[in-house]
């Protein structure tokens, strides 16, 4: 194809895709069914992972729960069963260890079947400045927050490719699209999670595996206790998010095959500003919202004795 014809094609498709997105703003896509899907959720023992487990189960999916916290895993399993679900499978898995992921993944494939929706939700936060962050915690953050995504994809993506059917969900963070003071290792891992998920999505498109979808979720701080103590300077403009609200938005995004979800909506505006405004202006806005020192009051999730 010559330059002129290809340029015309790009212009025409650009107009079509813009109009399509505007139409979907008015008339949202129909939600797909997840009944009968095998959904694996990492970090299912609490927070967003637990809520997503309940929601998928209520829609008729088979849910596979992974967590390193045995008590949390038991509680999620109990709640899911109480909610009427019968196809629930739980596994202790340390997502910071590649071999543990592969071993448990093999169990899942033998005992449950091929995973068709993979939700990489497990995450940890150090909550210290880079200089004060112990090397062991930096490594752990990278192992759980991003390297685990590599290994779960390695374990479950081949079957999705063979069937040309599946959905890859990455629960990243707003800290994966803009840096945050005091969250260097967390931001690095979440930036990586966003880039990794986006790159694999492009691989699937080039391979013409149109049946494999990707959803990248980038929320602001969620009130699950993970970022206890953190709040923006103007909560009405940039509020901490309620877990139930976030889980429902994630479910809607997955069922509508939405590629990226930013929460709250003001993040779309701030993301555009970051890429078009001078750095000094970006810093000014971050300071205005209180994000430059938001980790100063960080407490994190209370540890059980």
Protein backbone atom coordinates (compact mmCIF):
# COMPACT_ATOMS: atom_id res chain seq x y z
CA UNK A 1 0.00 0.00 0.00
CA UNK A 2 1.42 3.40 -0.91
CA UNK A 3 1.84 6.34 1.44
CA UNK A 4 -1.17 8.29 0.11
CA UNK A 5 -3.66 5.44 0.41
CA UNK A 6 -2.42 4.38 3.84
CA UNK A 7 -2.63 7.96 5.10
CA UNK A 8 -6.22 8.22 3.86
CA UNK A 9 -7.01 4.94 5.60
CA UNK A 10 -5.58 6.22 8.90
CA UNK A 11 -7.52 9.49 8.66
CA UNK A 12 -10.76 7.68 7.88
CA UNK A 13 -10.35 5.16 10.69
CA UNK A 14 -9.37 7.93 13.11
CA UNK A 15 -12.63 9.75 12.44
CA UNK A 16 -14.57 6.48 12.76
CA UNK A 17 -12.94 5.53 16.10
CA UNK A 18 -13.55 9.00 17.56
CA UNK A 19 -17.21 8.90 16.52
CA UNK A 20 -17.49 5.35 17.89
CA UNK A 21 -16.14 6.42 21.28
CA UNK A 22 -18.56 9.37 21.37
CA UNK A 23 -21.46 7.05 20.61
CA UNK A 24 -20.43 4.74 23.46
CA UNK A 25 -20.43 7.72 25.82
CA UNK A 26 -24.12 8.16 25.06
CA UNK A 27 -25.10 4.53 24.55
CA UNK A 28 -22.67 2.33 26.57
CA UNK A 29 -21.55 -1.03 25.23
CA UNK A 30 -23.65 -3.99 26.19
CA UNK A 31 -22.14 -5.91 29.11
CA UNK A 32 -20.87 -9.35 28.18
CA UNK A 33 -21.74 -12.41 30.24
CA UNK A 34 -19.08 -13.94 32.49
CA UNK A 35 -21.19 -16.96 33.38
CA UNK A 36 -19.17 -20.13 32.96
CA UNK A 37 -15.85 -18.30 32.79
CA UNK A 38 -13.01 -19.45 35.05
CA UNK A 39 -11.81 -16.33 36.85
CA UNK A 40 -8.55 -16.31 38.79
CA UNK A 41 -8.05 -13.41 41.22
CA UNK A 42 -4.76 -12.84 43.02
CA UNK A 43 -4.89 -11.07 46.37
CA UNK A 44 -8.44 -12.38 46.85
CA UNK A 45 -8.16 -12.57 50.64
CA UNK A 46 -9.22 -8.98 51.27
CA UNK A 47 -10.09 -5.59 49.78
CA UNK A 48 -10.83 -5.27 46.08
CA UNK A 49 -9.86 -8.89 45.45
CA UNK A 50 -12.55 -10.11 47.83
CA UNK A 51 -15.21 -7.81 46.36
CA UNK A 52 -14.39 -8.87 42.79
CA UNK A 53 -14.59 -12.52 43.86
CA UNK A 54 -18.09 -11.98 45.21
CA UNK A 55 -19.21 -10.11 42.11
CA UNK A 56 -17.86 -12.64 39.61
CA UNK A 57 -19.35 -15.53 41.58
CA UNK A 58 -22.76 -13.84 41.71
CA UNK A 59 -22.70 -13.64 37.90
CA UNK A 60 -22.19 -17.38 37.49
CA UNK A 61 -18.41 -17.52 37.05
CA UNK A 62 -16.16 -20.16 38.56
CA UNK A 63 -13.84 -18.25 40.88
CA UNK A 64 -10.29 -19.27 41.74
CA UNK A 65 -8.97 -17.42 44.77
CA UNK A 66 -5.25 -16.88 45.39
CA UNK A 67 -3.69 -15.25 48.43
CA UNK A 68 -0.80 -15.75 50.81
CA UNK A 69 -3.10 -14.97 53.76
CA UNK A 70 -4.80 -18.24 54.68
CA UNK A 71 -7.33 -16.70 57.07
CA UNK A 72 -8.31 -14.01 54.58
CA UNK A 73 -8.65 -16.62 51.87
CA UNK A 74 -10.92 -18.77 54.05
CA UNK A 75 -13.09 -15.76 54.84
CA UNK A 76 -13.45 -14.79 51.18
CA UNK A 77 -14.30 -18.37 50.26
CA UNK A 78 -16.91 -18.49 53.02
CA UNK A 79 -18.48 -15.19 51.92
CA UNK A 80 -18.57 -16.28 48.28
CA UNK A 81 -20.28 -19.56 49.20
CA UNK A 82 -22.75 -17.77 51.46
CA UNK A 83 -23.54 -15.58 48.48
CA UNK A 84 -24.83 -18.68 46.69
CA UNK A 85 -21.78 -19.66 44.65
CA UNK A 86 -20.76 -23.31 44.49
CA UNK A 87 -17.82 -23.18 42.05
CA UNK A 88 -15.20 -21.72 44.37
CA UNK A 89 -11.60 -22.88 44.59
CA UNK A 90 -9.01 -21.35 46.90
CA UNK A 91 -5.24 -21.78 46.92
CA UNK A 92 -2.47 -20.46 49.11
CA UNK A 93 0.02 -18.81 46.78
CA UNK A 94 2.99 -16.54 47.45
CA UNK A 95 2.93 -14.24 44.43
CA UNK A 96 6.44 -13.03 45.21
CA UNK A 97 7.81 -16.46 44.20
CA UNK A 98 7.85 -17.53 40.56
CA UNK A 99 8.00 -21.25 41.28
CA UNK A 100 5.11 -21.01 43.73
CA UNK A 101 3.02 -19.32 41.03
CA UNK A 102 3.89 -22.01 38.48
CA UNK A 103 3.23 -24.85 40.92
CA UNK A 104 -0.17 -23.54 42.01
CA UNK A 105 -1.05 -22.64 38.41
CA UNK A 106 -0.50 -26.27 37.42
CA UNK A 107 -2.82 -27.33 40.25
CA UNK A 108 -5.50 -24.96 39.00
CA UNK A 109 -5.25 -26.23 35.44
CA UNK A 110 -5.54 -29.85 36.60
CA UNK A 111 -8.27 -29.35 39.20
CA UNK A 112 -10.37 -26.53 37.71
CA UNK A 113 -9.42 -26.00 34.07
CA UNK A 114 -7.97 -23.28 31.88
CA UNK A 115 -8.32 -19.80 33.34
CA UNK A 116 -10.22 -17.49 30.97
CA UNK A 117 -10.20 -14.28 33.04
CA UNK A 118 -7.02 -13.42 34.91
CA UNK A 119 -7.16 -10.60 37.47
CA UNK A 120 -3.73 -9.58 38.74
CA UNK A 121 -4.78 -7.75 41.88
CA UNK A 122 -2.23 -8.70 44.56
CA UNK A 123 -0.10 -5.77 45.66
CA UNK A 124 2.02 -4.42 48.50
CA UNK A 125 3.34 -1.00 49.44
CA UNK A 126 6.54 -0.08 51.31
CA UNK A 127 5.43 3.46 52.18
CA UNK A 128 8.95 4.84 52.68
CA UNK A 129 11.11 7.29 50.77
CA UNK A 130 13.54 5.71 48.34
CA UNK A 131 16.58 6.40 50.55
CA UNK A 132 14.88 4.84 53.59
CA UNK A 133 13.42 1.81 51.75
CA UNK A 134 15.16 -1.46 52.72
CA UNK A 135 16.44 -3.36 49.70
CA UNK A 136 14.44 -6.43 50.72
CA UNK A 137 11.16 -4.48 50.64
CA UNK A 138 12.01 -2.87 47.30
CA UNK A 139 12.61 -6.33 45.83
CA UNK A 140 9.41 -7.66 47.38
CA UNK A 141 7.39 -4.79 45.88
CA UNK A 142 8.72 -5.55 42.42
CA UNK A 143 8.18 -9.29 42.84
CA UNK A 144 4.54 -8.98 43.92
CA UNK A 145 3.43 -5.88 42.00
CA UNK A 146 4.89 -6.67 38.58
CA UNK A 147 6.99 -9.84 38.31
CA UNK A 148 3.99 -11.90 39.40
CA UNK A 149 2.16 -10.53 36.35
CA UNK A 150 4.88 -11.96 34.09
CA UNK A 151 4.60 -15.41 35.65
CA UNK A 152 0.78 -15.57 35.74
CA UNK A 153 0.68 -14.53 32.07
CA UNK A 154 3.28 -17.21 31.26
CA UNK A 155 1.14 -19.76 33.07
CA UNK A 156 -2.30 -18.92 31.69
CA UNK A 157 -1.97 -16.87 28.49
CA UNK A 158 -0.96 -19.76 26.16
CA UNK A 159 -4.32 -21.50 26.65
CA UNK A 160 -6.13 -18.20 25.99
CA UNK A 161 -4.14 -17.76 22.77
CA UNK A 162 -4.91 -21.32 21.66
CA UNK A 163 -8.64 -20.74 22.19
CA UNK A 164 -8.57 -17.08 21.12
CA UNK A 165 -10.61 -16.35 24.21
CA UNK A 166 -9.71 -14.63 27.46
CA UNK A 167 -9.45 -11.42 29.43
CA UNK A 168 -6.33 -10.03 31.15
CA UNK A 169 -7.06 -7.59 33.97
CA UNK A 170 -4.30 -5.58 35.62
CA UNK A 171 -5.18 -3.72 38.83
CA UNK A 172 -2.49 -1.06 38.61
CA UNK A 173 -2.74 2.42 40.15
CA UNK A 174 -2.84 6.14 39.47
CA UNK A 175 0.74 5.85 40.77
CA UNK A 176 1.39 3.88 37.59
CA UNK A 177 0.78 6.92 35.38
CA UNK A 178 2.34 9.70 37.48
CA UNK A 179 5.12 9.60 40.06
CA UNK A 180 4.38 10.14 43.75
CA UNK A 181 6.84 11.35 46.38
CA UNK A 182 7.49 8.57 48.88
CA UNK A 183 6.31 5.78 46.58
CA UNK A 184 9.32 5.20 44.35
CA UNK A 185 9.30 1.39 44.36
CA UNK A 186 5.49 1.23 44.24
CA UNK A 187 5.35 3.69 41.31
CA UNK A 188 8.09 1.80 39.48
CA UNK A 189 6.18 -1.47 39.83
CA UNK A 190 2.86 0.05 38.81
CA UNK A 191 4.32 1.95 35.83
CA UNK A 192 5.77 -1.42 34.80
CA UNK A 193 2.40 -3.14 35.27
CA UNK A 194 0.71 -0.62 32.98
CA UNK A 195 3.42 -0.87 30.32
CA UNK A 196 3.54 -4.66 30.49
CA UNK A 197 -0.23 -5.08 30.14
CA UNK A 198 -0.36 -2.58 27.28
CA UNK A 199 2.53 -4.26 25.46
CA UNK A 200 0.99 -7.74 25.69
CA UNK A 201 -2.31 -6.29 24.50
CA UNK A 202 -0.54 -4.99 21.38
CA UNK A 203 1.04 -8.43 20.91
CA UNK A 204 -2.40 -10.00 20.92
CA UNK A 205 -3.63 -7.48 18.35
CA UNK A 206 -0.68 -8.17 16.03
CA UNK A 207 -1.34 -11.91 16.41
CA UNK A 208 -4.99 -11.14 15.51
CA UNK A 209 -6.22 -12.70 18.75
CA UNK A 210 -9.26 -10.45 18.89
CA UNK A 211 -10.91 -12.72 21.48
CA UNK A 212 -8.34 -11.82 24.13
CA UNK A 213 -9.16 -8.54 25.85
CA UNK A 214 -7.14 -6.36 28.22
CA UNK A 215 -8.34 -4.03 30.97
CA UNK A 216 -5.88 -1.83 32.87
CA UNK A 217 -7.23 -0.25 36.07
CA UNK A 218 -5.58 2.85 37.54
CA UNK A 219 -7.43 4.06 40.64
CA UNK A 220 -6.48 6.75 43.14
CA UNK A 221 -6.11 5.67 46.78
CA UNK A 222 -8.81 3.15 47.75
CA UNK A 223 -10.09 3.08 51.33
CA UNK A 224 -9.10 -0.54 51.98
CA UNK A 225 -6.50 0.28 54.64
CA UNK A 226 -3.53 -0.25 52.33
CA UNK A 227 -2.94 3.51 52.22
CA UNK A 228 -4.40 4.34 55.62
CA UNK A 229 -3.60 7.90 56.63
CA UNK A 230 -3.25 9.29 53.10
CA UNK A 231 -5.68 11.87 51.78
CA UNK A 232 -5.56 14.64 49.22
CA UNK A 233 -5.67 18.31 50.21
CA UNK A 234 -9.07 18.75 48.56
CA UNK A 235 -11.04 15.49 49.02
CA UNK A 236 -14.06 16.84 47.16
CA UNK A 237 -11.96 17.20 44.00
CA UNK A 238 -9.74 14.15 44.46
CA UNK A 239 -11.34 11.84 47.02
CA UNK A 240 -10.22 8.54 48.45
CA UNK A 241 -12.30 5.87 46.76
CA UNK A 242 -14.74 3.48 48.40
CA UNK A 243 -13.94 -0.19 47.65
CA UNK A 244 -17.48 -1.12 46.60
CA UNK A 245 -17.57 1.76 44.09
CA UNK A 246 -14.20 0.74 42.62
CA UNK A 247 -15.11 -2.96 42.40
CA UNK A 248 -18.36 -2.15 40.59
CA UNK A 249 -16.56 0.13 38.13
CA UNK A 250 -13.95 -2.57 37.47
CA UNK A 251 -16.66 -5.16 36.80
CA UNK A 252 -18.39 -2.81 34.37
CA UNK A 253 -15.10 -2.09 32.58
CA UNK A 254 -14.31 -5.80 32.24
CA UNK A 255 -17.78 -6.69 30.98
CA UNK A 256 -17.64 -3.87 28.41
CA UNK A 257 -14.08 -4.75 27.29
CA UNK A 258 -12.86 -1.30 28.33
CA UNK A 259 -9.11 -1.06 27.74
CA UNK A 260 -8.24 1.40 30.50
CA UNK A 261 -10.12 2.66 33.55
CA UNK A 262 -8.97 5.68 35.56
CA UNK A 263 -10.72 6.51 38.84
CA UNK A 264 -11.91 9.13 39.65
CA UNK A 265 -12.64 10.66 36.24
CA UNK A 266 -10.57 13.77 36.98
CA UNK A 267 -7.49 11.56 36.45
CA UNK A 268 -8.17 11.53 32.69
CA UNK A 269 -7.86 15.33 32.72
CA UNK A 270 -4.74 15.30 34.89
CA UNK A 271 -3.11 12.65 32.69
CA UNK A 272 -3.59 14.81 29.60
CA UNK A 273 -2.16 17.82 31.45
CA UNK A 274 0.91 15.83 32.48
CA UNK A 275 1.79 15.12 28.86
CA UNK A 276 1.12 18.57 27.41
CA UNK A 277 2.10 21.02 30.18
CA UNK A 278 5.59 22.03 31.37
CA UNK A 279 6.95 19.92 34.24
CA UNK A 280 6.88 22.92 36.59
CA UNK A 281 3.15 23.29 35.96
CA UNK A 282 2.62 19.58 36.65
CA UNK A 283 4.45 19.99 39.95
CA UNK A 284 2.29 23.01 40.74
CA UNK A 285 -0.89 20.98 40.25
CA UNK A 286 0.48 18.07 42.30
CA UNK A 287 1.25 20.48 45.12
CA UNK A 288 -2.20 22.04 44.81
CA UNK A 289 -3.87 18.66 45.29
CA UNK A 290 -1.49 17.82 48.14
CA UNK A 291 0.05 14.86 46.33
CA UNK A 292 3.65 15.97 46.81
CA UNK A 293 3.40 15.28 50.55
CA UNK A 294 0.52 12.82 50.61
CA UNK A 295 2.70 10.04 52.05
CA UNK A 296 3.73 12.18 55.03
CA UNK A 297 0.70 10.88 56.96
CA UNK A 298 0.92 7.30 55.65
CA UNK A 299 0.18 4.60 58.24
CA UNK A 300 -0.73 1.64 56.07
CA UNK A 301 -2.78 -1.39 56.95
CA UNK A 302 -2.51 -2.31 60.63
CA UNK A 303 -0.66 -5.58 61.22
CA UNK A 304 -2.24 -8.26 63.38
CA UNK A 305 -0.37 -9.34 66.47
